[in-house]
Amino acid sequence: MKLTAIVGDLRKALAEEVRAGERAASRAVRDETDALKQELRQQVTGSLGGKARGIANAWRSQVFPRTGVSMRAAGLVWSKTPLVIDAFERGALIRPKGGGRFLAIATGFNAARGWRGRGDKGLRVTPAQMVASGQGFLRPFKSGRGFVWCLPLRQGEQTGRRRRTRLVAGGMAEVGTANRKGREAWARGLLERGMVPMFLLLPQVKLAKRLDVQGASLRALRRLPRRFVAAWEAEAARAG
């Protein structure tokens, strides 16, 4: 039986291998943590639309240790809007608080100058302002399960180069246009009705389950070992 001698410092070789493993573990955890965060952000924008970009960007991540490398590296992904995420992951049933009978849900019309208004012109009319104005009135749903809370509508001065018609709800706020196609025809149709829906009053709302945070987390855990092996092999090739 032929014996092969080990050439070199064994302790040094093992220490270098451990160090390579630490770098590989930290790299794998860092890459998978970022991949999970990106998947969760894409879930939000894909399920809730582009207007939920702020909720999507509220997903944050951190890798530990924050500096250096470790074989026991760990990653954390969390949301700064956990209640919103939880509601859409569970498909929550939302009811009024404090003994109230209805939820007041602002419509797309209740947003001056669209969703991205500037200054005071971008603020919504609140339920308290609706009550204080004494102008709000209700229109029941055909189902009888709620109401549309409206304000009377009047025409404001035409503004801008295109001389677009401004719509003013109850003398309180400009109705949101949201850059609608055929805006002038749409405005005339609302004026003929003489009112604009500002809130939907509903006894409860059942959200659809649109997010799968747990599923994304499990997929990340399953991918992590493969990332670790690939990263360690890359470290070994670099050293060789």
Protein backbone atom coordinates (compact mmCIF):
# COMPACT_ATOMS: atom_id res chain seq x y z
CA MET A 1 0.00 0.00 0.00
CA LYS A 2 1.46 3.27 -1.09
CA LEU A 3 1.13 6.21 1.29
CA THR A 4 1.00 9.80 0.07
CA ALA A 5 2.62 12.44 2.19
CA ILE A 6 0.77 15.65 2.99
CA VAL A 7 2.89 18.58 1.99
CA GLY A 8 2.42 21.89 3.70
CA ASP A 9 0.93 23.22 6.92
CA LEU A 10 -2.28 21.26 7.67
CA ARG A 11 -3.51 23.76 10.22
CA LYS A 12 -3.05 26.60 7.81
CA ALA A 13 -4.85 24.71 5.04
CA LEU A 14 -7.80 23.94 7.31
CA ALA A 15 -7.95 27.54 8.52
CA GLU A 16 -8.02 28.78 4.92
CA GLU A 17 -10.82 26.31 4.11
CA VAL A 18 -12.86 27.51 7.09
CA ARG A 19 -12.30 31.10 6.04
CA ALA A 20 -13.50 30.25 2.52
CA GLY A 21 -16.58 28.63 4.05
CA GLU A 22 -17.28 31.76 6.07
CA ARG A 23 -17.06 33.93 2.98
CA ALA A 24 -19.28 31.51 1.05
CA ALA A 25 -21.91 31.41 3.82
CA SER A 26 -22.03 35.19 4.12
CA ARG A 27 -22.26 35.63 0.36
CA ALA A 28 -25.02 33.00 0.01
CA VAL A 29 -27.08 34.51 2.83
CA ARG A 30 -26.61 38.04 1.48
CA ASP A 31 -27.67 37.06 -2.06
CA GLU A 32 -30.66 35.00 -0.92
CA THR A 33 -31.83 37.70 1.50
CA ASP A 34 -31.79 40.26 -1.29
CA ALA A 35 -33.55 37.82 -3.66
CA LEU A 36 -36.31 37.26 -1.08
CA LYS A 37 -36.77 41.00 -0.59
CA GLN A 38 -37.05 41.56 -4.33
CA GLU A 39 -39.56 38.71 -4.71
CA LEU A 40 -41.75 40.18 -1.94
CA ARG A 41 -41.59 43.63 -3.52
CA GLN A 42 -42.62 42.16 -6.87
CA GLN A 43 -45.50 40.34 -5.17
CA VAL A 44 -46.87 43.66 -3.91
CA THR A 45 -46.60 45.56 -7.19
CA GLY A 46 -47.83 42.57 -9.19
CA SER A 47 -50.86 41.99 -6.96
CA LEU A 48 -51.75 45.49 -5.78
CA GLY A 49 -50.62 47.55 -8.78
CA GLY A 50 -48.18 50.37 -9.39
CA LYS A 51 -49.83 52.65 -6.84
CA ALA A 52 -48.66 50.25 -4.13
CA ARG A 53 -45.00 50.94 -4.94
CA GLY A 54 -44.56 52.63 -1.55
CA ILE A 55 -45.78 49.47 0.21
CA ALA A 56 -43.47 47.38 -1.96
CA ASN A 57 -40.45 49.53 -1.13
CA ALA A 58 -41.31 49.22 2.57
CA TRP A 59 -39.78 45.73 2.43
CA ARG A 60 -36.30 46.03 3.95
CA SER A 61 -33.45 43.61 4.65
CA GLN A 62 -30.37 43.25 6.82
CA VAL A 63 -27.60 40.63 6.91
CA PHE A 64 -25.74 39.63 10.09
CA PRO A 65 -23.01 40.07 11.03
CA ARG A 66 -23.21 43.57 9.60
CA THR A 67 -19.45 43.60 9.03
CA GLY A 68 -17.09 40.74 8.33
CA VAL A 69 -17.97 37.15 7.46
CA SER A 70 -19.26 34.18 9.45
CA MET A 71 -20.24 30.54 8.94
CA ARG A 72 -23.33 31.42 11.00
CA ALA A 73 -24.44 34.33 8.83
CA ALA A 74 -28.15 35.20 8.97
CA GLY A 75 -30.51 37.40 6.99
CA LEU A 76 -33.64 39.27 8.04
CA VAL A 77 -36.37 40.60 5.75
CA TRP A 78 -39.15 42.73 7.24
CA SER A 79 -41.80 45.25 6.22
CA LYS A 80 -42.33 48.76 7.57
CA THR A 81 -46.06 48.28 6.82
CA PRO A 82 -46.65 44.93 8.57
CA LEU A 83 -50.38 45.43 9.14
CA VAL A 84 -51.02 46.01 5.44
CA ILE A 85 -48.92 43.00 4.46
CA ASP A 86 -50.63 40.79 7.04
CA ALA A 87 -54.10 41.86 5.89
CA PHE A 88 -53.42 40.97 2.24
CA GLU A 89 -51.63 37.74 3.13
CA ARG A 90 -54.52 36.48 5.31
CA GLY A 91 -57.35 37.96 3.27
CA ALA A 92 -58.47 39.85 6.36
CA LEU A 93 -62.04 40.82 7.18
CA ILE A 94 -62.06 44.52 8.10
CA ARG A 95 -64.84 45.95 10.29
CA PRO A 96 -65.42 49.42 11.77
CA LYS A 97 -63.89 50.17 15.16
CA GLY A 98 -65.41 51.89 18.16
CA GLY A 99 -68.95 50.74 17.55
CA GLY A 100 -69.18 52.38 14.14
CA ARG A 101 -71.59 50.96 11.59
CA PHE A 102 -69.66 51.64 8.39
CA LEU A 103 -66.19 51.88 6.94
CA ALA A 104 -65.63 55.09 4.93
CA ILE A 105 -63.55 54.21 1.85
CA ALA A 106 -62.42 57.16 -0.26
CA THR A 107 -63.16 56.87 -3.99
CA GLY A 108 -60.77 57.81 -6.80
CA PHE A 109 -62.72 61.06 -7.22
CA ASN A 110 -61.80 62.14 -3.68
CA ALA A 111 -58.24 63.06 -4.62
CA ALA A 112 -57.63 66.59 -5.83
CA ARG A 113 -55.58 66.76 -9.04
CA GLY A 114 -55.22 62.98 -9.14
CA TRP A 115 -53.25 60.68 -6.89
CA ARG A 116 -50.13 62.81 -6.88
CA GLY A 117 -51.53 66.25 -6.14
CA ARG A 118 -49.22 68.88 -4.72
CA GLY A 119 -49.67 70.87 -1.51
CA ASP A 120 -53.18 71.40 -0.15
CA LYS A 121 -54.59 70.64 -3.61
CA GLY A 122 -53.49 67.03 -3.16
CA LEU A 123 -55.35 66.35 0.09
CA ARG A 124 -58.44 64.19 0.37
CA VAL A 125 -61.72 65.39 1.85
CA THR A 126 -62.18 63.66 5.23
CA PRO A 127 -65.42 62.19 6.64
CA ALA A 128 -65.34 64.89 9.32
CA GLN A 129 -65.30 67.58 6.61
CA MET A 130 -68.18 65.87 4.85
CA VAL A 131 -70.28 66.02 8.01
CA ALA A 132 -69.26 69.60 8.87
CA SER A 133 -70.15 70.85 5.40
CA GLY A 134 -73.77 69.78 5.78
CA GLN A 135 -73.81 69.00 2.04
CA GLY A 136 -73.12 65.27 2.01
CA PHE A 137 -75.98 62.95 1.05
CA LEU A 138 -76.35 59.19 0.73
CA ARG A 139 -77.31 56.98 -2.18
CA PRO A 140 -77.96 53.31 -1.23
CA PHE A 141 -76.43 50.40 -3.10
CA LYS A 142 -78.89 48.23 -4.98
CA SER A 143 -77.81 45.35 -2.73
CA GLY A 144 -78.84 47.35 0.33
CA ARG A 145 -75.51 46.56 2.03
CA GLY A 146 -74.07 50.05 2.00
CA PHE A 147 -74.19 53.59 0.67
CA VAL A 148 -72.37 55.99 -1.62
CA TRP A 149 -71.62 59.23 0.23
CA CYS A 150 -71.81 62.08 -2.28
CA LEU A 151 -71.28 65.82 -2.55
CA PRO A 152 -73.03 68.22 -4.95
CA LEU A 153 -70.92 69.13 -7.95
CA ARG A 154 -70.36 72.42 -9.72
CA GLN A 155 -68.16 73.58 -12.55
CA GLY A 156 -65.09 75.61 -11.73
CA GLU A 157 -63.16 77.93 -13.99
CA GLN A 158 -61.45 76.42 -17.00
CA THR A 159 -57.71 76.33 -16.52
CA GLY A 160 -54.52 75.42 -18.34
CA ARG A 161 -53.55 75.62 -21.99
CA ARG A 162 -56.21 73.08 -22.92
CA ARG A 163 -58.85 75.00 -20.98
CA ARG A 164 -59.95 71.92 -19.12
CA THR A 165 -63.10 72.05 -17.04
CA ARG A 166 -62.49 71.96 -13.31
CA LEU A 167 -64.96 70.08 -11.15
CA VAL A 168 -65.51 71.25 -7.56
CA ALA A 169 -67.21 68.98 -5.01
CA GLY A 170 -69.40 70.84 -2.52
CA GLY A 171 -67.29 73.95 -2.89
CA MET A 172 -64.68 72.12 -0.81
CA ALA A 173 -62.19 70.47 -3.15
CA GLU A 174 -61.41 69.89 -6.80
CA VAL A 175 -62.42 66.45 -7.96
CA GLY A 176 -59.50 64.20 -8.87
CA THR A 177 -58.99 63.75 -12.60
CA ALA A 178 -56.21 61.14 -12.51
CA ASN A 179 -55.47 62.15 -16.15
CA ARG A 180 -58.51 60.25 -17.40
CA LYS A 181 -58.92 59.56 -21.09
CA GLY A 182 -61.72 61.63 -22.62
CA ARG A 183 -61.59 63.87 -19.57
CA GLU A 184 -63.94 66.58 -20.88
CA ALA A 185 -66.69 64.11 -21.81
CA TRP A 186 -66.24 62.44 -18.46
CA ALA A 187 -66.51 65.80 -16.67
CA ARG A 188 -69.69 66.74 -18.54
CA GLY A 189 -71.25 63.41 -17.60
CA LEU A 190 -70.61 64.05 -13.93
CA LEU A 191 -71.99 67.59 -14.18
CA GLU A 192 -75.20 66.26 -15.70
CA ARG A 193 -75.62 64.01 -12.68
CA GLY A 194 -74.90 66.95 -10.38
CA MET A 195 -73.08 64.89 -7.79
CA VAL A 196 -69.84 63.03 -7.23
CA PRO A 197 -69.22 59.96 -5.01
CA MET A 198 -66.62 60.81 -2.36
CA PHE A 199 -66.83 57.76 -0.07
CA LEU A 200 -68.20 54.23 -0.11
CA LEU A 201 -69.84 53.32 3.21
CA LEU A 202 -69.64 49.58 3.83
CA PRO A 203 -70.35 47.53 6.98
CA GLN A 204 -67.25 45.42 6.35
CA VAL A 205 -64.70 44.59 3.65
CA LYS A 206 -63.21 41.16 2.93
CA LEU A 207 -59.80 41.57 1.34
CA ALA A 208 -58.72 39.04 -1.25
CA LYS A 209 -55.63 37.02 -0.34
CA ARG A 210 -53.06 38.50 -2.69
CA LEU A 211 -49.69 37.89 -1.04
CA ASP A 212 -47.79 34.74 -0.10
CA VAL A 213 -45.02 35.82 2.26
CA GLN A 214 -44.66 32.41 3.90
CA GLY A 215 -44.35 30.67 0.54
CA ALA A 216 -41.66 33.10 -0.60
CA SER A 217 -39.75 32.53 2.66
CA LEU A 218 -39.85 28.74 2.27
CA ARG A 219 -38.63 28.98 -1.32
CA ALA A 220 -35.72 31.12 -0.16
CA LEU A 221 -34.78 28.55 2.49
CA ARG A 222 -34.82 25.76 -0.10
CA ARG A 223 -32.57 27.76 -2.44
CA LEU A 224 -30.03 28.69 0.23
CA PRO A 225 -28.07 25.37 0.40
CA ARG A 226 -27.48 25.44 -3.37
CA ARG A 227 -26.28 29.01 -3.15
CA PHE A 228 -23.92 28.07 -0.33
CA VAL A 229 -22.39 25.13 -2.22
CA ALA A 230 -21.97 27.21 -5.39
CA ALA A 231 -20.35 30.04 -3.43
CA TRP A 232 -17.95 27.65 -1.67
CA GLU A 233 -16.98 26.03 -4.97
CA ALA A 234 -16.30 29.49 -6.38
CA GLU A 235 -14.08 30.26 -3.39
CA ALA A 236 -12.17 27.00 -3.89
CA ALA A 237 -11.67 27.72 -7.60
CA ARG A 238 -10.43 31.20 -6.77
CA ALA A 239 -7.92 29.80 -4.26
CA GLY A 240 -6.76 27.11 -6.70
